[in-house]
Protein backbone atom coordinates (compact mmCIF):
# COMPACT_ATOMS: atom_id res chain seq x y z
CA MET A 1 -15.50 16.18 -20.41
CA LYS A 2 -13.27 14.70 -22.99
CA ARG A 3 -9.77 14.71 -21.50
CA ASN A 4 -7.50 13.78 -24.41
CA PHE A 5 -3.88 14.65 -23.81
CA ILE A 6 -2.05 16.25 -26.69
CA ILE A 7 1.16 14.38 -26.08
CA ARG A 8 1.07 10.61 -25.88
CA THR A 9 3.84 8.11 -25.33
CA THR A 10 3.86 4.33 -25.43
CA ILE A 11 6.77 3.90 -23.06
CA LEU A 12 6.02 2.83 -19.51
CA VAL A 13 8.59 3.92 -16.99
CA VAL A 14 8.00 2.61 -13.53
CA LEU A 15 9.24 4.77 -10.69
CA ALA A 16 7.87 2.24 -8.33
CA VAL A 17 7.36 2.15 -4.61
CA VAL A 18 8.92 -1.13 -3.64
CA THR A 19 7.06 -2.50 -0.64
CA ILE A 20 6.01 -5.81 0.79
CA ALA A 21 2.24 -5.83 1.16
CA GLY A 22 0.74 -6.67 4.50
CA LEU A 23 3.92 -6.59 6.62
CA SER A 24 4.81 -4.04 9.22
CA TYR A 25 7.91 -3.60 11.32
CA TYR A 26 9.43 -2.54 14.58
CA PHE A 27 13.07 -1.65 15.17
CA ILE A 28 16.01 -2.71 17.23
CA THR A 29 19.22 -0.76 17.71
CA GLU A 30 22.72 -2.17 18.15
CA ASN A 31 25.98 -0.26 18.19
CA GLY A 32 24.26 2.91 17.06
CA LYS A 33 22.62 1.29 14.01
CA LYS A 34 18.89 0.74 13.59
CA TYR A 35 17.74 -2.54 12.12
CA GLU A 36 14.38 -3.71 10.88
CA VAL A 37 12.61 -6.71 12.30
CA GLU A 38 9.26 -7.96 11.08
CA LYS A 39 6.55 -7.11 13.56
CA VAL A 40 5.40 -10.69 13.30
CA ASN A 41 8.28 -11.35 15.73
CA GLN A 42 5.95 -10.08 18.45
CA TYR A 43 3.41 -12.76 17.69
CA ASN A 44 3.13 -15.76 19.91
CA TYR A 45 0.38 -17.78 18.24
CA PHE A 46 -0.40 -18.92 14.71
CA VAL A 47 -3.15 -20.87 13.00
CA LEU A 48 -2.10 -24.41 12.04
CA LYS A 49 -3.58 -26.23 9.05
CA SER A 50 -3.22 -30.02 9.03
CA GLY A 51 -5.13 -31.57 6.17
CA ASP A 52 -8.61 -30.06 6.33
CA LYS A 53 -8.45 -29.44 10.08
CA THR A 54 -7.21 -26.40 11.97
CA GLY A 55 -5.46 -25.76 15.26
CA VAL A 56 -2.93 -23.43 16.87
CA ILE A 57 0.86 -23.48 17.31
CA ASP A 58 3.14 -21.10 19.20
CA ARG A 59 6.29 -19.36 17.90
CA THR A 60 8.44 -22.36 18.89
CA SER A 61 6.15 -24.69 16.87
CA ASN A 62 4.56 -26.33 19.93
CA ILE A 63 0.95 -27.37 19.38
CA ILE A 64 -1.32 -25.27 21.59
CA ILE A 65 -4.69 -26.32 20.16
CA ASP A 66 -4.92 -29.66 18.38
CA ALA A 67 -5.73 -29.47 14.69
CA LYS A 68 -9.25 -30.89 14.98
CA TYR A 69 -11.44 -27.88 14.20
CA ASP A 70 -13.03 -26.78 10.94
CA ASP A 71 -11.54 -23.31 11.46
CA VAL A 72 -9.77 -21.25 14.10
CA LYS A 73 -9.47 -17.48 14.35
CA ILE A 74 -6.93 -15.65 16.52
CA PRO A 75 -8.19 -12.07 16.93
CA ASN A 76 -4.92 -10.96 18.55
CA PRO A 77 -1.85 -13.15 17.90
CA GLU A 78 -0.22 -11.77 21.04
CA ASN A 79 -3.13 -12.93 23.21
CA PRO A 80 -3.91 -16.63 23.85
CA ILE A 81 -7.63 -16.43 23.01
CA PHE A 82 -8.79 -18.71 20.20
CA VAL A 83 -12.16 -18.82 18.43
CA CYS A 84 -12.73 -22.42 17.31
CA TYR A 85 -15.43 -23.59 14.92
CA GLN A 86 -16.64 -27.17 14.69
CA ASP A 87 -19.84 -28.60 13.17
CA GLY A 88 -21.59 -25.23 13.22
CA LYS A 89 -20.69 -24.55 16.85
CA THR A 90 -18.28 -21.94 18.24
CA VAL A 91 -16.13 -22.32 21.36
CA ILE A 92 -13.61 -19.87 22.84
CA LEU A 93 -10.49 -21.54 24.25
CA ASN A 94 -7.52 -20.22 26.22
CA GLU A 95 -3.94 -21.46 26.14
CA GLN A 96 -4.81 -24.26 28.58
CA LYS A 97 -7.50 -25.46 26.14
CA GLN A 98 -10.17 -24.40 28.63
CA GLU A 99 -13.48 -23.12 27.29
CA ILE A 100 -14.07 -19.52 28.40
CA LEU A 101 -16.74 -16.83 27.98
CA THR A 102 -19.37 -19.57 28.21
CA GLU A 103 -21.95 -17.14 29.57
CA TYR A 104 -22.16 -15.44 26.15
CA GLU A 105 -23.89 -16.83 23.08
CA ASN A 106 -22.59 -16.86 19.51
CA ILE A 107 -19.36 -14.96 20.13
CA GLU A 108 -17.63 -13.72 16.98
CA PRO A 109 -14.51 -11.63 16.37
CA ILE A 110 -15.18 -8.37 14.55
CA GLN A 111 -13.42 -8.24 11.22
CA LEU A 112 -11.47 -5.16 10.22
CA LYS A 113 -12.36 -3.77 6.81
CA ASN A 114 -10.07 -1.90 4.40
CA ILE A 115 -7.48 -1.48 7.15
CA THR A 116 -3.77 -1.51 6.36
CA SER A 117 -2.87 -3.76 9.24
CA ASP A 118 -1.22 -7.04 10.07
CA LEU A 119 -4.29 -7.98 12.09
CA MET A 120 -7.62 -8.93 10.60
CA TYR A 121 -9.79 -8.36 13.64
CA GLU A 122 -10.48 -5.86 16.38
CA LYS A 123 -7.87 -7.05 18.85
CA SER A 124 -9.65 -6.49 22.15
CA VAL A 125 -13.41 -7.08 21.71
CA PHE A 126 -15.90 -9.68 20.53
CA LYS A 127 -19.50 -9.28 19.56
CA TYR A 128 -22.02 -11.67 21.06
CA GLN A 129 -25.67 -12.40 20.34
CA LYS A 130 -28.70 -12.91 22.55
CA ASP A 131 -32.35 -13.05 21.51
CA GLY A 132 -31.42 -11.87 18.01
CA LYS A 133 -29.56 -8.76 19.23
CA PHE A 134 -25.82 -8.05 19.49
CA GLY A 135 -23.59 -6.61 22.20
CA LEU A 136 -19.88 -6.20 22.94
CA VAL A 137 -17.66 -8.08 25.39
CA ASN A 138 -13.92 -7.82 25.92
CA PHE A 139 -11.48 -10.72 25.95
CA GLU A 140 -11.59 -10.89 29.75
CA GLY A 141 -15.34 -11.46 29.68
CA LYS A 142 -16.36 -7.96 30.82
CA LYS A 143 -19.59 -6.85 29.17
CA ILE A 144 -19.12 -3.56 27.27
CA THR A 145 -22.68 -3.17 25.97
CA ASN A 146 -25.92 -5.03 26.45
CA PRO A 147 -27.30 -6.92 23.44
CA ILE A 148 -29.27 -3.96 22.04
CA TYR A 149 -28.10 -3.73 18.42
CA GLU A 150 -29.53 -5.36 15.30
CA SER A 151 -25.99 -5.59 13.92
CA ILE A 152 -22.39 -4.72 14.80
CA GLU A 153 -19.73 -4.58 12.08
CA GLY A 154 -16.30 -3.12 11.59
CA LEU A 155 -16.34 0.31 9.96
CA PRO A 156 -14.14 0.39 6.83
CA TYR A 157 -10.88 2.34 7.27
CA LYS A 158 -11.62 3.10 10.95
CA GLU A 159 -9.96 0.66 13.34
CA GLY A 160 -11.53 0.94 16.78
CA GLU A 161 -14.85 2.20 15.38
CA LEU A 162 -17.90 0.00 14.86
CA LEU A 163 -20.94 0.43 12.63
CA ILE A 164 -24.07 -0.41 14.61
CA LYS A 165 -27.71 -0.68 13.67
CA GLN A 166 -30.35 0.09 16.26
CA ASP A 167 -34.06 0.69 15.77
CA GLY A 168 -33.53 0.30 12.03
CA LYS A 169 -30.97 3.12 11.81
CA PHE A 170 -27.16 3.12 11.60
CA GLY A 171 -24.73 4.87 13.91
CA VAL A 172 -21.13 4.50 15.07
CA ILE A 173 -19.69 3.50 18.45
CA ASN A 174 -16.12 2.85 19.55
CA ILE A 175 -14.81 -0.39 21.07
CA LYS A 176 -15.50 1.03 24.54
CA GLY A 177 -19.18 1.25 23.67
CA ASN A 178 -19.25 5.07 23.50
CA GLU A 179 -21.51 6.69 20.91
CA LEU A 180 -19.61 8.54 18.18
CA ILE A 181 -22.40 9.06 15.63
CA LYS A 182 -26.03 8.83 16.67
CA ASN A 183 -28.06 6.06 15.05
CA GLU A 184 -30.20 8.21 12.78
CA TYR A 185 -29.02 7.31 9.27
CA ASP A 186 -29.94 4.71 6.65
CA SER A 187 -26.28 4.27 5.71
CA ILE A 188 -22.85 5.40 6.89
CA SER A 189 -19.59 5.03 4.97
CA VAL A 190 -16.09 6.51 5.24
CA ASP A 191 -14.93 8.87 2.48
CA GLY A 192 -11.57 7.07 2.07
CA TYR A 193 -9.31 10.12 2.46
CA TYR A 194 -5.75 9.04 3.28
CA SER A 195 -2.59 10.96 4.12
CA PRO A 196 0.86 9.34 4.34
CA ASP A 197 1.58 10.83 7.76
CA ASN A 198 -1.80 10.25 9.39
CA GLY A 199 -3.38 7.34 7.55
CA TYR A 200 -7.19 7.54 7.64
CA LYS A 201 -7.32 9.76 10.73
CA TYR A 202 -8.75 12.70 8.77
CA ALA A 203 -11.24 10.68 6.74
CA GLY A 204 -14.83 11.85 7.12
CA TYR A 205 -18.22 10.12 6.97
CA ILE A 206 -20.82 10.08 4.21
CA VAL A 207 -24.32 9.50 5.59
CA SER A 208 -27.65 9.02 3.89
CA ASN A 209 -31.35 8.91 4.59
CA THR A 210 -34.22 7.73 2.45
CA THR A 211 -36.87 10.20 1.32
CA ASN A 212 -39.91 9.91 -0.91
CA GLU A 213 -37.61 10.96 -3.75
CA GLY A 214 -34.87 8.42 -2.99
CA TYR A 215 -31.58 8.51 -1.10
CA ARG A 216 -30.21 11.84 0.06
CA TYR A 217 -26.60 12.19 1.23
CA GLY A 218 -24.85 14.34 3.82
CA TYR A 219 -21.38 14.64 5.33
CA LEU A 220 -19.67 14.59 8.73
CA ASN A 221 -16.01 15.59 9.05
CA TYR A 222 -13.33 13.56 10.82
CA LYS A 223 -14.38 15.12 14.13
CA ARG A 224 -17.86 13.74 13.36
CA LYS A 225 -19.36 17.23 13.08
CA LEU A 226 -22.31 17.38 10.68
CA LEU A 227 -21.25 19.73 7.87
CA LEU A 228 -23.83 18.88 5.22
CA LYS A 229 -27.33 17.66 5.96
CA PRO A 230 -28.54 14.64 3.96
CA GLU A 231 -30.10 16.61 1.12
CA TYR A 232 -27.84 15.85 -1.86
CA ASN A 233 -28.51 13.36 -4.67
CA GLN A 234 -24.83 12.37 -4.81
CA LEU A 235 -21.86 13.20 -2.65
CA SER A 236 -18.17 12.28 -2.66
CA ARG A 237 -14.91 13.73 -1.38
CA PHE A 238 -12.00 14.68 -3.63
CA ILE A 239 -9.54 12.42 -1.84
CA ASP A 240 -6.62 13.54 -4.04
CA ILE A 241 -6.70 17.08 -2.63
CA ASN A 242 -4.03 16.97 0.05
CA ASP A 243 -5.72 18.85 2.88
CA ASP A 244 -6.19 17.03 6.17
CA GLU A 245 -8.29 19.63 7.94
CA ASN A 246 -10.57 20.59 5.06
CA ALA A 247 -12.77 18.32 2.98
CA TYR A 248 -13.40 19.26 -0.65
CA ILE A 249 -16.70 17.68 -1.62
CA LEU A 250 -18.34 17.07 -5.00
CA ALA A 251 -22.10 17.26 -4.47
CA SER A 252 -25.06 17.17 -6.82
CA LYS A 253 -28.63 18.37 -6.63
CA ASN A 254 -31.13 17.59 -9.37
CA GLY A 255 -28.36 16.39 -11.68
CA ARG A 256 -26.24 19.54 -11.28
CA TYR A 257 -22.82 19.47 -9.63
CA GLY A 258 -21.01 21.87 -7.36
CA VAL A 259 -18.01 21.87 -5.01
CA LEU A 260 -17.98 22.60 -1.30
CA LYS A 261 -15.07 23.13 1.06
CA ASN A 262 -16.61 21.81 4.26
CA GLU A 263 -19.82 23.88 4.48
CA GLU A 264 -18.55 26.63 2.16
CA GLN A 265 -19.90 26.60 -1.40
CA LEU A 266 -16.93 27.09 -3.76
CA ILE A 267 -18.61 26.22 -7.04
CA THR A 268 -22.37 26.57 -7.35
CA ASN A 269 -24.53 23.58 -8.26
CA GLU A 270 -25.08 24.45 -11.90
CA TYR A 271 -22.63 22.25 -13.82
CA GLN A 272 -23.12 18.97 -15.70
CA SER A 273 -19.71 17.67 -14.58
CA ILE A 274 -16.71 18.72 -12.50
CA GLU A 275 -13.32 17.00 -12.54
CA TYR A 276 -10.24 17.64 -10.43
CA ASP A 277 -6.75 17.84 -11.95
CA GLU A 278 -4.33 16.83 -9.20
CA SER A 279 -1.15 18.01 -10.90
CA ASN A 280 -2.35 21.62 -11.19
CA ASN A 281 -4.92 21.90 -8.37
CA ILE A 282 -7.71 23.02 -10.68
CA PHE A 283 -11.23 21.91 -11.57
CA THR A 284 -12.53 21.48 -15.10
CA ILE A 285 -16.22 22.36 -15.33
CA GLU A 286 -18.91 21.57 -17.90
CA LEU A 287 -21.89 23.85 -18.57
CA SER A 288 -24.27 23.20 -21.49
CA LYS A 289 -21.62 21.02 -23.21
CA LYS A 290 -19.04 23.78 -22.96
CA TYR A 291 -15.94 23.56 -20.77
CA GLY A 292 -14.01 25.89 -18.53
CA VAL A 293 -11.68 25.85 -15.53
CA SER A 294 -11.94 26.90 -11.88
CA ASN A 295 -9.12 27.19 -9.37
CA LEU A 296 -9.16 25.53 -5.97
CA GLU A 297 -10.78 28.60 -4.38
CA GLY A 298 -13.73 28.34 -6.77
CA LYS A 299 -12.76 31.28 -9.02
CA ILE A 300 -13.51 30.72 -12.72
CA ILE A 301 -10.16 31.29 -14.46
CA VAL A 302 -11.18 30.00 -17.92
CA PRO A 303 -14.80 30.66 -18.92
CA ALA A 304 -17.00 27.68 -19.78
CA GLU A 305 -17.19 28.49 -23.51
CA TYR A 306 -14.92 25.90 -25.12
CA LYS A 307 -15.78 22.62 -26.84
CA GLN A 308 -12.82 20.85 -25.25
CA ILE A 309 -10.07 21.54 -22.76
CA ASP A 310 -6.93 19.42 -22.69
CA ILE A 311 -4.50 19.71 -19.79
CA THR A 312 -0.89 18.91 -20.66
CA GLY A 313 1.73 19.74 -18.11
CA ILE A 314 1.58 23.42 -17.13
CA TYR A 315 -0.75 24.51 -19.96
CA LEU A 316 -4.46 24.36 -20.69
CA TYR A 317 -5.37 23.90 -24.38
CA ALA A 318 -8.87 25.31 -24.90
CA ARG A 319 -10.45 24.40 -28.24
CA ASN A 320 -13.40 25.81 -30.17
CA ASP A 321 -14.31 26.32 -33.81
CA GLN A 322 -11.92 29.29 -34.06
CA GLY A 323 -8.91 27.23 -33.01
CA VAL A 324 -6.89 26.67 -29.85
CA THR A 325 -6.24 29.13 -27.05
CA VAL A 326 -3.47 28.20 -24.63
CA TYR A 327 -3.77 29.23 -20.98
CA ASN A 328 -1.42 29.02 -18.04
CA THR A 329 -2.85 27.18 -15.07
CA ASP A 330 -3.62 30.51 -13.38
CA GLY A 331 -5.95 31.43 -16.25
CA THR A 332 -3.69 33.90 -18.05
CA GLN A 333 -3.10 33.36 -21.76
CA ALA A 334 0.20 31.74 -22.74
CA ASN A 335 2.21 32.63 -25.81
CA ILE A 336 3.34 29.17 -26.88
CA ASP A 337 3.32 26.97 -29.96
CA THR A 338 0.44 24.51 -29.64
CA ASN A 339 2.76 21.70 -30.70
CA ILE A 340 4.87 22.28 -27.60
CA ALA A 341 4.06 20.93 -24.14
CA ILE A 342 5.97 21.65 -20.94
CA LEU A 343 5.76 19.46 -17.84
CA ASN A 344 6.78 20.41 -14.33
CA THR A 345 9.10 18.17 -12.33
CA SER A 346 9.58 17.75 -8.61
CA ASN A 347 12.71 19.91 -8.94
CA GLU A 348 11.91 23.55 -9.75
CA LYS A 349 15.23 23.81 -11.64
CA TYR A 350 13.99 21.56 -14.43
CA ARG A 351 11.00 21.18 -16.76
CA ILE A 352 10.38 18.57 -19.42
CA ARG A 353 9.81 20.07 -22.89
CA ILE A 354 7.94 17.99 -25.47
CA ASP A 355 8.04 18.91 -29.16
CA ASN A 356 5.29 17.27 -31.20
CA LYS A 357 5.90 19.03 -34.52
CA ASP A 358 7.74 16.19 -36.26
CA GLY A 359 7.25 13.14 -34.10
CA THR A 360 7.26 13.38 -30.35
CA LYS A 361 10.63 14.33 -28.89
CA TYR A 362 11.58 15.10 -25.28
CA GLY A 363 14.13 17.49 -23.85
CA VAL A 364 14.79 19.52 -20.68
CA ILE A 365 14.63 23.27 -20.06
CA GLY A 366 15.31 25.41 -16.98
CA LYS A 367 12.70 27.29 -15.00
CA ASN A 368 13.31 30.41 -17.10
CA GLY A 369 13.02 28.52 -20.39
CA GLU A 370 16.72 28.08 -21.09
CA GLN A 371 17.61 24.92 -23.06
CA ILE A 372 19.36 22.26 -20.97
CA ILE A 373 18.90 19.12 -23.09
CA GLU A 374 17.70 19.36 -26.67
CA GLU A 375 14.55 17.52 -27.73
CA GLN A 376 16.19 14.31 -28.96
CA TYR A 377 14.78 11.51 -26.82
CA ASN A 378 11.61 9.47 -27.20
CA TYR A 379 10.91 9.96 -23.52
CA ILE A 380 12.41 11.80 -20.53
CA GLU A 381 11.37 11.69 -16.91
CA TYR A 382 13.01 13.43 -13.97
CA LEU A 383 14.61 11.01 -11.49
CA TYR A 384 16.40 12.94 -8.70
CA ASP A 385 19.29 15.39 -8.22
CA ASN A 386 20.49 16.17 -11.78
CA TYR A 387 19.51 12.79 -13.25
CA PHE A 388 16.81 11.87 -15.78
CA ILE A 389 15.41 8.62 -17.15
CA ALA A 390 15.67 8.72 -20.93
CA SER A 391 14.42 6.43 -23.67
CA ASN A 392 15.62 5.91 -27.22
CA ARG A 393 13.65 4.93 -30.31
CA ASN A 394 13.89 1.25 -29.37
CA SER A 395 12.04 2.00 -26.14
CA LYS A 396 15.11 1.10 -24.09
CA LEU A 397 15.78 3.07 -20.91
CA GLY A 398 18.86 4.59 -19.36
CA ILE A 399 19.89 7.52 -17.18
CA ILE A 400 21.40 10.84 -18.28
CA ASP A 401 22.52 13.87 -16.31
CA ASP A 402 21.74 17.53 -16.98
CA LYS A 403 24.85 17.76 -19.22
CA ASN A 404 23.38 15.00 -21.40
CA ASN A 405 26.06 12.57 -20.26
CA ILE A 406 24.91 8.94 -20.26
CA LYS A 407 25.30 7.63 -16.69
CA VAL A 408 23.44 4.31 -17.17
CA GLU A 409 23.48 2.87 -20.66
CA ILE A 410 20.21 3.16 -22.59
CA GLU A 411 19.69 -0.60 -22.83
CA ASN A 412 17.32 -1.47 -20.00
CA ASP A 413 13.71 -2.61 -20.23
CA SER A 414 12.71 -0.98 -16.94
CA LEU A 415 14.15 1.45 -14.42
CA GLN A 416 12.99 2.36 -10.95
CA LYS A 417 14.30 4.27 -7.98
CA ILE A 418 13.76 2.00 -5.01
CA ASP A 419 11.47 3.94 -2.75
CA GLY A 420 13.06 5.57 0.29
CA THR A 421 16.58 4.91 -0.97
CA ASP A 422 19.22 6.43 -3.23
CA VAL A 423 19.48 3.17 -5.15
CA VAL A 424 18.25 2.62 -8.72
CA GLU A 425 17.12 -0.77 -9.99
CA ALA A 426 17.47 -1.62 -13.69
CA THR A 427 16.19 -4.72 -15.48
CA ILE A 428 17.21 -6.30 -18.78
CA ALA A 429 14.46 -8.72 -19.77
CA ASN A 430 16.69 -10.90 -21.94
CA GLY A 431 18.27 -13.05 -19.28
CA ASN A 432 16.23 -11.42 -16.52
CA ILE A 433 19.25 -9.45 -15.33
CA LYS A 434 18.89 -7.08 -12.36
CA ARG A 435 21.35 -4.27 -11.78
CA LEU A 436 21.63 -1.90 -8.85
CA TYR A 437 23.19 1.58 -9.02
CA SER A 438 24.17 3.84 -6.14
CA LYS A 439 23.24 7.51 -5.91
CA ASP A 440 26.19 8.57 -8.10
CA MET A 441 25.13 5.94 -10.71
CA THR A 442 27.94 3.53 -9.89
CA LYS A 443 26.90 -0.07 -10.61
CA ILE A 444 27.02 -1.91 -7.29
CA CYS A 445 25.44 -5.25 -8.21
CA GLU A 446 24.40 -7.39 -11.18
CA MET A 447 22.45 -10.63 -10.71
CA SER A 448 20.30 -12.81 -12.96
CA ASN A 449 16.86 -14.15 -11.99
CA ALA A 450 17.01 -12.05 -8.84
CA ASN A 451 14.39 -11.06 -6.32
CA ILE A 452 14.76 -7.63 -4.69
CA GLU A 453 13.29 -6.83 -1.27
CA ASN A 454 13.23 -3.29 0.06
CA LYS A 455 13.41 -3.38 3.84
CA ASN A 456 13.29 -0.30 6.04
CA GLU A 457 17.03 -0.27 6.70
CA TYR A 458 18.51 -2.29 3.86
CA ILE A 459 17.97 -3.75 0.39
CA LYS A 460 18.26 -7.47 -0.20
CA ILE A 461 18.89 -9.02 -3.62
CA SER A 462 18.99 -12.78 -4.04
CA ASN A 463 18.43 -15.54 -6.59
CA GLY A 464 18.79 -18.69 -4.52
CA GLU A 465 22.43 -18.96 -5.48
CA GLU A 466 23.62 -15.62 -4.17
CA ILE A 467 22.48 -13.14 -1.52
CA LYS A 468 23.67 -9.55 -1.15
CA TYR A 469 22.64 -6.71 1.14
CA PHE A 470 23.01 -2.95 0.66
CA ASP A 471 22.15 0.06 2.79
CA LYS A 472 19.92 2.86 1.51
CA GLN A 473 22.88 4.64 -0.07
CA GLY A 474 24.13 1.55 -1.89
CA LYS A 475 26.92 0.46 0.47
CA GLU A 476 27.22 -3.33 0.66
CA LEU A 477 26.50 -4.84 4.10
CA LYS A 478 27.55 -8.10 5.69
CA ASN A 479 24.81 -10.45 6.87
CA THR A 480 26.16 -10.06 10.41
CA GLU A 481 25.29 -6.36 10.15
CA VAL A 482 21.83 -7.02 8.75
CA TYR A 483 20.92 -9.70 11.30
CA PRO A 484 22.74 -8.56 14.46
CA ASN A 485 20.64 -10.74 16.77
CA ASN A 486 21.35 -13.98 14.91
CA THR A 487 23.99 -16.43 16.12
CA LEU A 488 24.40 -18.29 12.81
CA PHE A 489 24.84 -16.84 9.32
CA ALA A 490 24.56 -18.29 5.82
CA LYS A 491 27.85 -18.92 4.04
CA LYS A 492 28.50 -20.32 0.56
CA ILE A 493 31.63 -22.32 -0.17
CA ASP A 494 32.28 -24.27 -3.37
CA ASN A 495 28.65 -23.92 -4.55
CA LYS A 496 27.23 -25.33 -1.32
CA TRP A 497 25.68 -23.47 1.61
CA GLY A 498 26.31 -23.84 5.30
CA PHE A 499 26.34 -21.60 8.38
CA THR A 500 29.02 -19.86 10.41
CA ASP A 501 29.09 -18.05 13.71
CA LYS A 502 29.78 -14.29 13.94
CA ASN A 503 33.52 -14.96 13.78
CA GLY A 504 33.26 -16.96 10.57
CA ASN A 505 33.74 -20.39 12.15
CA ILE A 506 31.80 -23.13 10.37
CA VAL A 507 28.99 -24.51 12.54
CA VAL A 508 26.85 -26.21 9.88
CA GLU A 509 28.84 -27.83 7.10
CA GLU A 510 28.32 -26.68 3.51
CA LYS A 511 25.92 -29.34 2.21
CA TYR A 512 22.82 -27.45 1.10
CA ASP A 513 21.89 -26.18 -2.37
CA LYS A 514 19.98 -23.15 -1.03
CA VAL A 515 19.36 -21.64 2.41
CA THR A 516 17.75 -18.64 4.07
CA GLU A 517 19.05 -16.57 6.94
CA PHE A 518 17.50 -17.37 10.29
CA ASN A 519 14.08 -15.82 10.77
CA ASN A 520 12.85 -14.07 13.89
CA TYR A 521 11.68 -17.36 15.39
CA GLY A 522 15.14 -18.92 15.27
CA TYR A 523 14.69 -21.13 12.20
CA ALA A 524 16.37 -21.20 8.81
CA SER A 525 15.13 -22.93 5.68
CA VAL A 526 17.53 -25.27 3.88
CA GLN A 527 17.18 -26.95 0.50
CA LYS A 528 18.78 -30.16 -0.68
CA ASP A 529 18.01 -32.06 -3.88
CA GLY A 530 15.16 -29.65 -4.64
CA LYS A 531 13.43 -30.16 -1.28
CA TRP A 532 13.16 -27.76 1.67
CA GLY A 533 13.64 -28.48 5.34
CA VAL A 534 14.46 -26.58 8.54
CA ILE A 535 17.32 -26.17 10.98
CA ASN A 536 17.13 -24.49 14.38
CA SER A 537 19.44 -21.86 15.87
CA LYS A 538 21.75 -24.62 17.17
CA GLY A 539 22.27 -25.86 13.63
CA GLU A 540 20.19 -28.99 14.22
CA GLU A 541 18.13 -30.33 11.33
CA ILE A 542 14.65 -30.50 12.87
CA LEU A 543 12.87 -31.14 9.57
CA LYS A 544 14.72 -33.09 6.94
CA PRO A 545 14.31 -31.60 3.45
CA THR A 546 10.92 -32.96 2.37
CA TYR A 547 8.99 -29.97 0.98
CA VAL A 548 8.89 -29.41 -2.77
CA LEU A 549 7.93 -25.75 -3.10
CA SER A 550 7.88 -24.37 -6.62
CA ASN A 551 8.47 -20.67 -7.20
CA ASN A 552 9.50 -20.08 -3.60
CA ILE A 553 12.99 -18.65 -3.28
CA GLU A 554 12.84 -18.27 0.48
CA PRO A 555 10.05 -20.19 2.22
CA THR A 556 9.11 -19.29 5.80
CA PHE A 557 8.99 -22.01 8.44
CA ILE A 558 8.17 -22.05 12.12
CA GLY A 559 9.71 -25.30 13.16
CA LYS A 560 8.39 -27.92 10.79
CA TYR A 561 5.43 -25.82 9.73
CA TYR A 562 5.37 -23.90 6.45
CA GLN A 563 3.60 -20.58 5.93
CA VAL A 564 0.80 -20.29 3.38
CA ILE A 565 -1.56 -17.39 2.77
CA TYR A 566 -5.24 -17.78 1.96
CA GLY A 567 -8.08 -15.55 0.88
CA PHE A 568 -8.21 -12.24 2.70
CA GLY A 569 -4.56 -12.35 3.68
CA GLU A 570 -5.12 -15.02 6.33
CA ILE A 571 -1.81 -16.62 7.28
CA TYR A 572 -1.73 -20.32 8.17
CA TYR A 573 1.07 -22.70 8.93
CA THR A 574 0.77 -26.21 7.60
CA ASP A 575 2.52 -29.54 8.01
CA LYS A 576 1.38 -30.56 4.53
CA GLN A 577 3.00 -29.62 1.22
């Protein structure tokens, strides 16, 4: 179906989720306040890269395994078990550098796939091989399964579940070796359904078998109950429908599409195409090149007799040779000018009204249609409370309230509410100026060439010359509040950085051009004459500034070793620049 929107705008407003990919956190509490600490603080072991050789260091930078191997994998960084590769051979070493699990052949860690995790591997089991077949063994050497499988792989999105192949067919077992899905399919994949509260817990399984007519697909729910036998030509789940317990499935037979809710047929398999509109919870359907609309229960609310249906906000614009008929999203006809579009917001008090009669103009109306802000802006988007992002004809952005008062000047190139906070970030490209505003739109910070990090309990803004911290409401915090477990804290005096104790007494003299606060391993990075080095928690310079690291505002060191990230998010520490 052709899905052209009536109203178009060229302005991109980013209401971004500000996160740091790949990191996760645990929490500590002091004096009634909760503070964030990177989960990596729990780790004891890290892969070391020295030249083209690899070894292992611990969290105090002691060498555990000499850097003499082609590669090393640490399946669980809290557990001193290391998989070392050298000249095509694999050995498993413990912390004492002793070879273990020697009774098993070709041991390999099992890689996680499509998992949002700080670990890359199943953290308690290996697979091993004997006579061309695979089995499972735990880190203590206890055999979990005999070598009876043609293959064992991680199952995408499902940590703790393994895709196995036995007797030419695929099934699923868990890391205890228990059968979850019988090996009777030619393929098994996970539907990818994700919910913010439960992750992939409620994701189901798409299975297939080969017939004389090609692949046929079926479906098992998250409880691994077979809902649909493998008899469909194509099958996929509508992962944007927010329903953990029920799976809405698009399925086709003989080139015709329908929709099922679990086993229940909502829309019969007679349509050329079916598309889901997330904002209105409706399906657009195509039958003989004519289009209509169904609701989420499968009821046809707009008959499939139109050449085109455009969905804009809360209205459906159905077009045929006789003109345009406008429908509400419940299928009733709407009495509205076709040049007008109305968009819902997350606040039922407000709707965005777009007038396209003489150039596209945006305004705001109430839920009963009363005018709140006249259509005078090139763009409006609801922010929170009674605030809106607004754009002028120069595509600059600012913030107005529901009285049309300008709260943040319309001069910014981007605006975003920092996710999980009441703080707004604004950017002016000319000069790369960052500004932060509190919930009441008071400017709390302005900094050029700044980097902003959104932590779970605070916001950090820095540019190498200046560092500031704010809580989620925009109140400025001292570094002693942000890092309550540290003994030394960064302090700038006369354009040079040093470190003080909690009482403000100077411990490390102000001689550095840039510094970081101490990390969770007890090290801080210091820069002098454009080169980075490291001091320990006693203030001792354990690595003189030797690293030249371009485009790194705050490098991470463990002792003298610098963190680098390769490939699939693999983190190494290196003693080389």
